[in-house]
Amino acid sequence: MVDNKDTEQGFEKSVARLEKIVAEMESGDLDLDKMIKRFEEGQKLIKVCSKKLNEVEKKVEVLVKKGETIVSEDLDPES
């Protein structure tokens, strides 16, 4: 079983690493080979983060007040 806290920390670490990669690439200090390696690493991290965000989006629920009760409904982006 995957712990949400571990997954969240993995997501946070991935985002932090992406930010570092962007800073390195923007600095202009990397040679072409290192630039390509950073780009490839960034693409993999983006895929991981995007997958996690999609999973979270599917789990988001909206509380809707119906009469005197509050019920939980899945978020439907098309409604």
C-alpha atoms as a PDB file:
ATOM      1  CA  MET A   1       0.000   0.000   0.000  1.00  0.00           C
ATOM      2  CA  VAL A   2       1.354   3.435  -0.977  1.00  0.00           C
ATOM      3  CA  ASP A   3       1.320   6.055   1.744  1.00  0.00           C
ATOM      4  CA  ASN A   4      -0.153   9.376   0.571  1.00  0.00           C
ATOM      5  CA  LYS A   5       2.484  11.235   2.579  1.00  0.00           C
ATOM      6  CA  ASP A   6       5.276   9.379   0.738  1.00  0.00           C
ATOM      7  CA  THR A   7       3.600  10.066  -2.602  1.00  0.00           C
ATOM      8  CA  GLU A   8       3.145  13.719  -1.698  1.00  0.00           C
ATOM      9  CA  GLN A   9       6.799  13.998  -0.678  1.00  0.00           C
ATOM     10  CA  GLY A  10       7.770  12.321  -3.964  1.00  0.00           C
ATOM     11  CA  PHE A  11       5.690  14.869  -5.827  1.00  0.00           C
ATOM     12  CA  GLU A  12       7.226  17.744  -3.862  1.00  0.00           C
ATOM     13  CA  LYS A  13      10.735  16.403  -4.488  1.00  0.00           C
ATOM     14  CA  SER A  14       9.975  16.059  -8.194  1.00  0.00           C
ATOM     15  CA  VAL A  15       8.752  19.646  -8.401  1.00  0.00           C
ATOM     16  CA  ALA A  16      11.798  20.884  -6.493  1.00  0.00           C
ATOM     17  CA  ARG A  17      14.092  18.961  -8.828  1.00  0.00           C
ATOM     18  CA  LEU A  18      12.269  20.383 -11.848  1.00  0.00           C
ATOM     19  CA  GLU A  19      12.788  23.902 -10.499  1.00  0.00           C
ATOM     20  CA  LYS A  20      16.497  23.185 -10.073  1.00  0.00           C
ATOM     21  CA  ILE A  21      16.756  21.801 -13.602  1.00  0.00           C
ATOM     22  CA  VAL A  22      15.051  24.890 -15.016  1.00  0.00           C
ATOM     23  CA  ALA A  23      17.443  27.165 -13.116  1.00  0.00           C
ATOM     24  CA  GLU A  24      20.453  25.191 -14.369  1.00  0.00           C
ATOM     25  CA  MET A  25      19.209  25.308 -17.947  1.00  0.00           C
ATOM     26  CA  GLU A  26      18.422  29.015 -17.767  1.00  0.00           C
ATOM     27  CA  SER A  27      21.851  29.819 -16.339  1.00  0.00           C
ATOM     28  CA  GLY A  28      23.551  29.041 -19.620  1.00  0.00           C
ATOM     29  CA  ASP A  29      26.384  27.280 -17.784  1.00  0.00           C
ATOM     30  CA  LEU A  30      25.607  23.779 -19.074  1.00  0.00           C
ATOM     31  CA  ASP A  31      27.251  22.306 -22.128  1.00  0.00           C
ATOM     32  CA  LEU A  32      25.019  20.753 -24.776  1.00  0.00           C
ATOM     33  CA  ASP A  33      25.320  17.180 -23.464  1.00  0.00           C
ATOM     34  CA  LYS A  34      24.386  18.194 -19.913  1.00  0.00           C
ATOM     35  CA  MET A  35      21.573  20.361 -21.250  1.00  0.00           C
ATOM     36  CA  ILE A  36      20.114  17.377 -23.113  1.00  0.00           C
ATOM     37  CA  LYS A  37      20.429  15.140 -20.029  1.00  0.00           C
ATOM     38  CA  ARG A  38      18.661  17.735 -17.880  1.00  0.00           C
ATOM     39  CA  PHE A  39      15.952  18.110 -20.492  1.00  0.00           C
ATOM     40  CA  GLU A  40      15.372  14.339 -20.574  1.00  0.00           C
ATOM     41  CA  GLU A  41      15.288  14.172 -16.770  1.00  0.00           C
ATOM     42  CA  GLY A  42      12.845  17.078 -16.706  1.00  0.00           C
ATOM     43  CA  GLN A  43      10.556  15.333 -19.180  1.00  0.00           C
ATOM     44  CA  LYS A  44      10.446  12.234 -16.959  1.00  0.00           C
ATOM     45  CA  LEU A  45       9.713  14.339 -13.878  1.00  0.00           C
ATOM     46  CA  ILE A  46       6.948  16.200 -15.707  1.00  0.00           C
ATOM     47  CA  LYS A  47       5.355  12.868 -16.588  1.00  0.00           C
ATOM     48  CA  VAL A  48       5.497  11.734 -12.928  1.00  0.00           C
ATOM     49  CA  CYS A  49       4.019  15.024 -11.678  1.00  0.00           C
ATOM     50  CA  SER A  50       1.322  15.063 -14.340  1.00  0.00           C
ATOM     51  CA  LYS A  51       0.281  11.516 -13.455  1.00  0.00           C
ATOM     52  CA  LYS A  52       0.039  12.433  -9.774  1.00  0.00           C
ATOM     53  CA  LEU A  53      -1.976  15.573 -10.509  1.00  0.00           C
ATOM     54  CA  ASN A  54      -4.377  13.564 -12.670  1.00  0.00           C
ATOM     55  CA  GLU A  55      -4.831  11.035  -9.857  1.00  0.00           C
ATOM     56  CA  VAL A  56      -5.539  13.807  -7.366  1.00  0.00           C
ATOM     57  CA  GLU A  57      -7.952  15.519  -9.723  1.00  0.00           C
ATOM     58  CA  LYS A  58      -9.970  12.308  -9.979  1.00  0.00           C
ATOM     59  CA  LYS A  59     -10.218  12.147  -6.177  1.00  0.00           C
ATOM     60  CA  VAL A  60     -11.319  15.727  -5.647  1.00  0.00           C
ATOM     61  CA  GLU A  61     -14.804  15.989  -4.282  1.00  0.00           C
ATOM     62  CA  VAL A  62     -17.065  18.953  -3.983  1.00  0.00           C
ATOM     63  CA  LEU A  63     -19.297  19.461  -0.993  1.00  0.00           C
ATOM     64  CA  VAL A  64     -22.740  20.386  -2.078  1.00  0.00           C
ATOM     65  CA  LYS A  65     -25.432  21.549   0.276  1.00  0.00           C
ATOM     66  CA  LYS A  66     -28.743  19.937  -0.526  1.00  0.00           C
ATOM     67  CA  GLY A  67     -31.497  21.062   1.796  1.00  0.00           C
ATOM     68  CA  GLU A  68     -30.319  20.593   5.366  1.00  0.00           C
ATOM     69  CA  THR A  69     -27.726  17.936   4.572  1.00  0.00           C
ATOM     70  CA  ILE A  70     -24.270  18.181   3.112  1.00  0.00           C
ATOM     71  CA  VAL A  71     -23.349  15.475   0.664  1.00  0.00           C
ATOM     72  CA  SER A  72     -20.123  14.706  -1.101  1.00  0.00           C
ATOM     73  CA  GLU A  73     -20.160  14.478  -4.886  1.00  0.00           C
ATOM     74  CA  ASP A  74     -17.369  13.695  -7.316  1.00  0.00           C
ATOM     75  CA  LEU A  75     -16.082  16.710  -9.186  1.00  0.00           C
ATOM     76  CA  ASP A  76     -17.337  16.598 -12.742  1.00  0.00           C
ATOM     77  CA  PRO A  77     -15.328  19.071 -14.835  1.00  0.00           C
ATOM     78  CA  GLU A  78     -17.838  18.800 -17.687  1.00  0.00           C
ATOM     79  CA  SER A  79     -20.841  19.968 -15.659  1.00  0.00           C
END
